[in-house]
Protein backbone atom coordinates (compact mmCIF):
# COMPACT_ATOMS: atom_id res chain seq x y z
CA MET A 1 -71.60 53.12 -17.58
CA ILE A 2 -68.39 51.55 -16.68
CA VAL A 3 -66.46 48.82 -18.67
CA VAL A 4 -63.95 46.54 -17.62
CA ILE A 5 -61.71 44.42 -19.15
CA ALA A 6 -60.42 41.75 -17.47
CA ASP A 7 -57.81 38.84 -18.56
CA ASP A 8 -58.88 36.06 -16.27
CA LEU A 9 -62.29 35.20 -15.84
CA THR A 10 -61.79 34.58 -11.37
CA GLY A 11 -60.33 38.20 -12.14
CA ALA A 12 -63.53 39.10 -14.12
CA ALA A 13 -65.67 38.19 -11.14
CA GLU A 14 -63.87 39.84 -8.52
CA ILE A 15 -64.69 42.90 -10.30
CA GLY A 16 -68.52 41.88 -10.49
CA GLY A 17 -68.58 41.05 -6.57
CA LEU A 18 -67.09 44.98 -5.94
CA GLY A 19 -69.63 45.97 -7.95
CA LEU A 20 -72.37 44.22 -6.14
CA ARG A 21 -71.10 45.54 -2.60
CA TYR A 22 -71.45 49.14 -4.41
CA GLY A 23 -74.75 49.00 -5.28
CA LEU A 24 -74.40 48.57 -8.87
CA LYS A 25 -76.37 46.88 -11.62
CA ALA A 26 -73.53 44.39 -12.94
CA GLU A 27 -73.02 41.35 -15.67
CA ILE A 28 -70.08 39.67 -16.57
CA ILE A 29 -69.72 38.38 -20.03
CA THR A 30 -67.21 36.33 -22.19
CA ASP A 31 -68.47 37.39 -25.47
CA LEU A 32 -68.97 41.22 -26.51
CA ASN A 33 -72.79 41.45 -26.55
CA ILE A 34 -72.50 44.36 -24.20
CA ASN A 35 -75.93 45.23 -22.68
CA PRO A 36 -76.32 48.85 -22.22
CA ALA A 37 -78.69 48.89 -19.48
CA ALA A 38 -75.98 47.04 -17.05
CA GLU A 39 -73.69 49.89 -15.07
CA LEU A 40 -71.01 47.55 -14.70
CA VAL A 41 -70.17 45.30 -17.43
CA VAL A 42 -66.90 43.06 -17.48
CA ILE A 43 -65.77 41.73 -20.20
CA SER A 44 -63.87 38.30 -19.29
CA THR A 45 -61.56 37.96 -22.25
CA ASP A 46 -59.22 34.59 -20.88
CA THR A 47 -56.36 36.30 -22.62
CA ARG A 48 -53.91 35.68 -19.39
CA SER A 49 -53.91 31.92 -20.80
CA MET A 50 -53.65 32.46 -24.58
CA PRO A 51 -50.27 32.71 -26.88
CA GLU A 52 -49.63 36.64 -27.25
CA GLU A 53 -50.50 36.96 -30.73
CA LYS A 54 -53.90 35.17 -30.15
CA ALA A 55 -54.43 37.59 -26.96
CA LEU A 56 -53.38 40.59 -28.82
CA GLU A 57 -56.04 39.83 -31.55
CA LEU A 58 -58.82 39.72 -28.94
CA THR A 59 -57.45 42.87 -26.94
CA LYS A 60 -57.73 44.42 -29.67
CA ALA A 61 -61.17 43.26 -30.94
CA VAL A 62 -62.15 44.18 -27.75
CA SER A 63 -61.04 47.48 -27.73
CA GLU A 64 -62.38 48.37 -30.87
CA LYS A 65 -65.55 47.16 -29.53
CA ILE A 66 -65.47 49.67 -26.82
CA LEU A 67 -65.10 52.11 -28.84
CA THR A 68 -68.68 51.79 -29.95
CA ILE A 69 -69.87 51.67 -26.73
CA LYS A 70 -68.04 55.11 -25.31
CA PRO A 71 -68.52 54.14 -21.31
CA ASP A 72 -67.87 56.72 -19.25
CA ILE A 73 -64.84 55.20 -17.45
CA ILE A 74 -63.02 51.95 -18.65
CA PHE A 75 -60.72 49.79 -16.56
CA LYS A 76 -58.47 47.13 -17.25
CA LYS A 77 -58.31 44.44 -14.22
CA VAL A 78 -55.21 42.37 -14.38
CA ASP A 79 -53.44 39.89 -12.11
CA SER A 80 -52.36 41.41 -9.03
CA VAL A 81 -48.82 39.57 -9.31
CA LEU A 82 -49.10 40.57 -12.76
CA ARG A 83 -49.36 37.56 -14.58
CA GLY A 84 -50.37 37.63 -18.30
CA HIS A 85 -49.09 39.83 -21.58
CA ILE A 86 -50.11 43.00 -19.67
CA VAL A 87 -47.57 45.72 -21.22
CA PRO A 88 -48.28 44.11 -24.75
CA GLU A 89 -52.07 44.22 -23.84
CA LEU A 90 -52.18 48.03 -22.24
CA LYS A 91 -50.06 49.44 -25.93
CA VAL A 92 -52.87 48.07 -27.42
CA HIS A 93 -56.01 49.29 -25.59
CA GLN A 94 -53.69 52.96 -25.39
CA GLU A 95 -53.47 52.89 -29.53
CA ILE A 96 -57.12 51.56 -30.15
CA LEU A 97 -58.83 54.12 -26.96
CA GLY A 98 -56.38 56.52 -27.67
CA TYR A 99 -54.78 56.65 -24.10
CA LYS A 100 -51.75 58.42 -23.58
CA LYS A 101 -50.33 56.75 -20.73
CA ALA A 102 -51.45 53.63 -18.69
CA LEU A 103 -51.28 53.67 -14.84
CA LEU A 104 -50.62 50.84 -13.72
CA VAL A 105 -51.20 50.08 -9.75
CA PRO A 106 -51.48 45.86 -9.28
CA ALA A 107 -50.83 45.46 -5.40
CA ASN A 108 -53.54 44.99 -3.07
CA PRO A 109 -52.60 45.86 0.43
CA SER A 110 -55.40 44.50 1.95
CA LEU A 111 -54.22 40.66 0.30
CA GLY A 112 -50.86 41.41 1.95
CA ARG A 113 -49.32 42.27 -1.46
CA ILE A 114 -47.55 45.62 -1.65
CA LEU A 115 -45.32 47.21 -4.02
CA THR A 116 -42.64 49.38 -2.42
CA GLY A 117 -39.01 50.13 -2.87
CA GLY A 118 -38.98 48.71 -6.71
CA LYS A 119 -39.57 44.93 -5.19
CA TYR A 120 -42.67 43.45 -4.71
CA TYR A 121 -43.92 41.62 -1.58
CA VAL A 122 -46.26 39.13 -0.60
CA ASN A 123 -46.94 38.65 3.40
CA GLY A 124 -43.57 40.20 3.71
CA GLN A 125 -41.86 37.70 1.32
CA PRO A 126 -40.21 38.89 -1.86
CA ILE A 127 -42.60 37.30 -4.51
CA HIS A 128 -40.13 35.16 -6.17
CA GLU A 129 -39.47 33.33 -2.85
CA THR A 130 -43.49 32.34 -2.87
CA ALA A 131 -45.45 29.77 -4.42
CA PHE A 132 -45.94 32.08 -7.39
CA ALA A 133 -41.94 31.16 -8.41
CA HIS A 134 -43.50 27.72 -9.96
CA ASP A 135 -46.50 28.94 -11.49
CA PRO A 136 -46.82 26.54 -14.38
CA GLU A 137 -47.23 29.36 -17.04
CA PHE A 138 -45.56 32.58 -15.48
CA PRO A 139 -43.41 31.26 -13.24
CA VAL A 140 -41.67 34.35 -11.15
CA LYS A 141 -37.91 34.77 -10.98
CA GLY A 142 -38.00 38.00 -9.63
CA SER A 143 -39.90 40.90 -7.49
CA GLN A 144 -39.19 44.51 -9.83
CA PRO A 145 -41.79 45.14 -11.57
CA HIS A 146 -40.15 44.51 -15.08
CA GLU A 147 -39.17 41.64 -13.86
CA LEU A 148 -43.07 40.28 -13.02
CA LEU A 149 -44.09 42.05 -16.53
CA ARG A 150 -41.36 40.25 -18.29
CA VAL A 151 -40.08 43.42 -20.36
CA ASP A 152 -36.93 45.18 -20.37
CA LYS A 153 -36.43 47.86 -17.28
CA ASN A 154 -36.74 50.71 -19.61
CA ALA A 155 -40.07 49.06 -20.94
CA VAL A 156 -41.99 50.97 -17.70
CA SER A 157 -41.16 53.31 -15.09
CA THR A 158 -41.73 53.16 -11.41
CA HIS A 159 -42.92 55.90 -9.29
CA LEU A 160 -44.68 56.86 -5.92
CA ALA A 161 -48.16 58.02 -5.48
CA THR A 162 -46.66 61.84 -4.83
CA ASP A 163 -44.92 61.78 -7.71
CA GLU A 164 -45.41 64.32 -11.05
CA LEU A 165 -45.69 61.37 -13.31
CA PRO A 166 -44.58 61.13 -17.31
CA ALA A 167 -46.86 62.60 -19.67
CA SER A 168 -47.22 59.47 -21.03
CA GLY A 169 -45.59 55.60 -21.39
CA ILE A 170 -46.68 52.95 -19.35
CA ILE A 171 -46.31 53.73 -15.54
CA VAL A 172 -46.71 51.01 -12.41
CA GLY A 173 -47.34 52.71 -8.81
CA GLU A 174 -46.02 51.17 -5.82
CA THR A 175 -48.52 50.72 -3.39
CA ALA A 176 -48.23 50.17 0.48
CA SER A 177 -51.13 50.75 2.01
CA ASN A 178 -54.85 51.72 0.70
CA ASP A 179 -54.06 55.58 1.16
CA ASP A 180 -51.53 54.65 -1.78
CA LEU A 181 -54.55 53.58 -3.84
CA LEU A 182 -56.94 56.31 -3.18
CA ASN A 183 -54.27 58.65 -3.90
CA TRP A 184 -53.02 56.85 -7.58
CA ILE A 185 -56.97 57.89 -8.16
CA THR A 186 -56.66 61.18 -7.90
CA LYS A 187 -53.50 60.91 -10.57
CA ALA A 188 -55.35 59.49 -13.41
CA ASP A 189 -57.05 62.00 -15.91
CA LYS A 190 -58.57 61.39 -18.99
CA ASP A 191 -55.69 61.20 -20.89
CA THR A 192 -54.57 57.94 -18.16
CA LEU A 193 -56.03 54.45 -18.32
CA LEU A 194 -56.39 52.82 -15.63
CA ALA A 195 -55.06 49.35 -15.21
CA GLY A 196 -54.85 46.98 -11.73
CA GLY A 197 -55.93 45.20 -9.42
CA ALA A 198 -59.41 44.61 -7.46
CA GLY A 199 -57.92 47.09 -4.71
CA LEU A 200 -57.34 49.92 -7.58
CA PHE A 201 -60.86 48.98 -8.83
CA ASP A 202 -61.99 49.54 -4.86
CA ALA A 203 -60.59 52.60 -4.79
CA LEU A 204 -62.04 54.25 -8.34
CA LEU A 205 -65.52 53.00 -7.04
CA ASN A 206 -65.27 54.58 -3.49
CA SER A 207 -63.72 57.92 -4.95
CA LEU A 208 -66.75 57.97 -7.15
CA GLY A 209 -68.89 58.00 -4.00
CA PHE A 210 -70.88 54.95 -4.28
CA GLU A 211 -71.17 53.37 -0.49
CA LYS A 212 -69.85 49.93 0.19
CA SER A 213 -72.24 46.85 1.82
CA GLU A 214 -71.44 44.04 4.04
CA MET A 215 -70.28 41.27 2.44
CA GLU A 216 -72.51 38.27 2.08
CA THR A 217 -72.26 35.99 5.50
CA ASN A 218 -74.66 32.61 3.88
CA THR A 219 -71.70 30.74 2.15
CA GLU A 220 -72.78 27.37 2.13
CA PRO A 221 -73.33 26.59 -1.41
CA ASP A 222 -76.18 24.98 -2.92
CA LEU A 223 -76.61 20.98 -3.33
CA PRO A 224 -75.35 18.86 -5.16
CA SER A 225 -72.20 21.06 -5.96
CA LEU A 226 -69.07 20.44 -7.65
CA PHE A 227 -65.60 21.29 -6.67
CA VAL A 228 -62.95 22.06 -9.30
CA CYS A 229 -59.60 22.80 -8.32
CA GLY A 230 -57.62 23.74 -10.92
CA THR A 231 -54.76 25.61 -8.96
CA THR A 232 -51.05 24.77 -8.49
CA HIS A 233 -50.91 26.15 -5.14
CA ASP A 234 -49.37 24.40 -1.93
CA LYS A 235 -52.12 25.55 -0.07
CA SER A 236 -54.96 24.61 -1.93
CA ARG A 237 -53.71 21.36 -2.98
CA SER A 238 -53.02 20.40 0.50
CA ASN A 239 -56.60 20.96 1.72
CA VAL A 240 -57.49 18.71 -0.94
CA ARG A 241 -54.91 15.83 0.09
CA LYS A 242 -56.22 16.26 3.63
CA ILE A 243 -60.27 15.65 2.74
CA LYS A 244 -58.98 12.52 0.62
CA GLN A 245 -56.78 11.58 3.15
CA ASN A 246 -59.93 11.72 5.52
CA GLY A 247 -62.12 9.85 3.64
CA GLY A 248 -63.69 12.42 1.48
CA PRO A 249 -65.77 12.91 -1.77
CA VAL A 250 -62.24 13.88 -3.64
CA SER A 251 -61.42 12.53 -7.66
CA TYR A 252 -58.16 12.85 -8.54
CA MET A 253 -57.81 12.90 -12.85
CA PRO A 254 -56.57 8.73 -13.40
CA TYR A 255 -53.51 8.50 -15.20
CA HIS A 256 -55.03 7.37 -17.77
CA ILE A 257 -56.28 10.41 -18.69
CA ILE A 258 -53.79 12.58 -18.34
CA SER A 259 -51.33 10.38 -20.88
CA TYR A 260 -53.93 8.51 -23.17
CA ALA A 261 -57.46 9.77 -22.71
CA THR A 262 -59.91 8.11 -24.77
CA GLU A 263 -64.04 8.53 -24.56
CA MET A 264 -64.46 5.61 -22.83
CA GLY A 265 -61.93 7.02 -19.70
CA PHE A 266 -63.89 10.10 -19.23
CA GLU A 267 -67.23 8.55 -18.93
CA THR A 268 -65.59 6.56 -16.31
CA TRP A 269 -64.84 9.59 -14.37
CA ALA A 270 -67.00 10.92 -14.42
CA ASP A 271 -69.11 8.29 -13.44
CA GLU A 272 -66.85 7.81 -10.54
CA VAL A 273 -67.80 11.61 -9.95
CA VAL A 274 -71.20 10.81 -10.07
CA SER A 275 -71.10 8.48 -7.62
CA LEU A 276 -69.23 10.58 -4.86
CA LEU A 277 -72.00 13.48 -5.55
CA LYS A 278 -74.90 11.36 -5.16
CA GLU A 279 -73.69 9.93 -2.04
CA ASN A 280 -72.42 12.93 -0.39
CA LYS A 281 -73.91 15.69 -2.55
CA LYS A 282 -70.59 17.62 -2.67
CA ALA A 283 -67.79 16.20 -4.49
CA ILE A 284 -63.81 17.56 -5.72
CA ILE A 285 -62.08 16.79 -8.91
CA ALA A 286 -58.64 17.58 -8.78
CA ILE A 287 -54.86 16.97 -9.95
CA ASP A 288 -52.40 14.79 -7.73
CA GLU A 289 -49.22 16.53 -8.71
CA VAL A 290 -47.53 13.05 -8.29
CA THR A 291 -49.01 11.95 -11.95
CA THR A 292 -48.60 15.10 -13.00
CA GLY A 293 -44.89 16.14 -12.00
CA ASN A 294 -43.29 14.63 -14.89
CA GLY A 295 -44.08 16.94 -17.64
CA VAL A 296 -46.25 14.94 -19.45
CA VAL A 297 -48.78 16.89 -20.00
CA THR A 298 -49.05 20.95 -20.02
CA ALA A 299 -51.19 23.23 -17.79
CA ALA A 300 -53.42 23.84 -20.95
CA GLU A 301 -54.03 20.56 -21.61
CA LEU A 302 -55.20 19.53 -18.27
CA ARG A 303 -57.48 22.21 -18.09
CA GLU A 304 -59.17 21.15 -21.17
CA LYS A 305 -59.46 17.45 -19.78
CA LYS A 306 -61.12 18.80 -16.70
CA ALA A 307 -63.41 21.09 -18.77
CA ILE A 308 -64.81 17.35 -20.56
CA VAL A 309 -65.32 15.65 -17.57
CA VAL A 310 -66.98 18.48 -15.73
CA GLU A 311 -69.09 18.37 -18.82
CA LYS A 312 -69.59 14.85 -19.06
CA ILE A 313 -71.04 15.03 -15.49
CA PHE A 314 -73.33 17.69 -16.16
CA GLN A 315 -74.93 15.45 -18.97
CA LYS A 316 -75.79 12.91 -15.86
CA LEU A 317 -76.32 15.00 -12.97
CA ASN A 318 -78.17 18.04 -12.13
CA ILE A 319 -75.69 20.18 -10.34
CA LYS A 320 -77.04 23.06 -8.23
CA GLU A 321 -73.43 24.45 -7.90
CA LEU A 322 -70.39 24.45 -9.46
CA LEU A 323 -67.15 26.19 -7.58
CA VAL A 324 -63.97 26.48 -9.56
CA GLU A 325 -60.59 27.89 -8.48
CA GLY A 326 -58.45 29.29 -10.88
CA GLY A 327 -59.32 31.42 -14.06
CA SER A 328 -58.22 29.77 -17.09
CA THR A 329 -59.50 26.31 -15.45
CA ALA A 330 -62.80 28.16 -15.25
CA ALA A 331 -63.13 29.86 -18.64
CA ALA A 332 -62.40 26.40 -20.53
CA ILE A 333 -65.27 24.64 -18.29
CA ILE A 334 -67.54 27.39 -19.54
CA ASN A 335 -66.49 27.12 -23.05
CA HIS A 336 -67.20 23.29 -22.58
CA LEU A 337 -71.00 24.45 -20.95
CA ASN A 338 -71.40 26.98 -23.62
CA PHE A 339 -72.13 29.46 -21.05
CA ASN A 340 -71.19 33.53 -21.53
CA ARG A 341 -73.26 36.02 -19.34
CA PHE A 342 -73.40 36.04 -15.24
CA PHE A 343 -74.85 38.20 -12.49
CA PRO A 344 -73.33 38.18 -9.35
CA VAL A 345 -75.28 37.38 -6.24
CA SER A 346 -73.06 37.35 -3.56
CA GLU A 347 -69.33 37.69 -2.70
CA LEU A 348 -68.89 34.96 0.04
CA GLY A 349 -65.30 35.90 0.61
CA ALA A 350 -62.30 37.95 -0.88
CA GLY A 351 -61.90 37.19 -4.18
CA VAL A 352 -64.95 34.88 -3.90
CA ILE A 353 -67.90 35.52 -5.61
CA LYS A 354 -71.13 33.45 -6.28
CA MET A 355 -73.14 34.08 -9.79
CA LYS A 356 -76.06 33.43 -11.55
CA VAL A 357 -75.91 31.82 -14.83
CA ALA A 358 -77.84 33.36 -17.13
CA ASN A 359 -80.94 31.31 -18.68
CA ASN A 360 -80.28 28.80 -16.44
CA ASP A 361 -80.55 27.35 -12.66
CA LEU A 362 -76.75 27.07 -11.99
CA PHE A 363 -75.17 28.99 -9.84
CA LEU A 364 -71.22 29.48 -10.63
CA THR A 365 -68.67 30.29 -8.16
CA LEU A 366 -65.18 31.31 -8.30
CA LYS A 367 -62.14 32.07 -6.71
CA PRO A 368 -58.50 32.93 -7.45
CA GLY A 369 -56.25 29.90 -7.00
CA SER A 370 -54.09 32.06 -4.57
CA TYR A 371 -57.43 33.11 -2.61
CA ASP A 372 -58.80 31.11 0.13
CA TRP A 373 -62.20 29.52 0.42
CA PRO A 374 -64.48 30.84 2.97
CA ALA A 375 -64.64 27.85 5.78
CA LYS A 376 -68.36 27.49 4.86
CA THR A 377 -68.34 27.12 1.69
CA TRP A 378 -65.05 24.46 1.99
CA ASP A 379 -67.09 22.68 4.45
CA PHE A 380 -65.91 18.74 4.30
């Protein structure tokens, strides 16, 4: 069994999708009820959106549970651009699981994300000059690994894939190509906890001899389908804005929900979205930055408000597919809907994973906020 600990639900889904393409029986869970028959179990902790103290408590509990399972391989899935409480969590995993060192390789060259010359680049730009600089919870202030990780420079060491690695500590691996990812896999011994993005996990499965199949091509969602846009990335917001301007089925969070939400207010908003779904078979819930840019409400509060209205929509209409961008938003929603186990059924695009919800006829499709929806999925 391979066990992956993911600090974010979309990241967990991305790993599950990779497992699916490599022919593995995969499950994604948000509790610690691990199925011993699964070949790949991805535990989504959602610690990225938690305060650090709470995140470390859960990290400890997950690590202790994994000790009782004794999987063949343990992998820590983190954000490819290093948002979250990564260094403190790795230290907890090392202490409980008995690893002398952690090898952290976050970059994914296939998506234009590389770490070279001591700096992280996204499509050729230093990451602190991209939209990640405006992340509401983990704004990027610099492009060096320790700056991205928000730790002192001596808390981690950065190395090339050709270097001889230290015997202990947290090692950040520079990565400019997919060959670098494969080289990093060869560096990991039994005393090394592998941690990184989807690119490194892909290289791991490749190194284990699994064969990769082609990506799913039928990307049209089941109807009625509800899209929940939970990202601050400009491209995503621009895409929603264009659909709204063209008369498409977009419902922005009303200002009264943002500032002084009431039960009746949520009911009214849910009714508006249900009307759009009945008329169009598709609808988008989003946030207009014009109404949220004054700091009246936090990102966590916005996630919770979206989760409440989604729960009310589900009470009013039988949704067949729920499509969510942003792992923290997705985690808040499934918590309200009491879903905790998912089975990947197809990978619709890079990081865009369609999953069957356990004991339900609903499909849940997730993508990270900085990724793109496939064209046929995002067809309005």
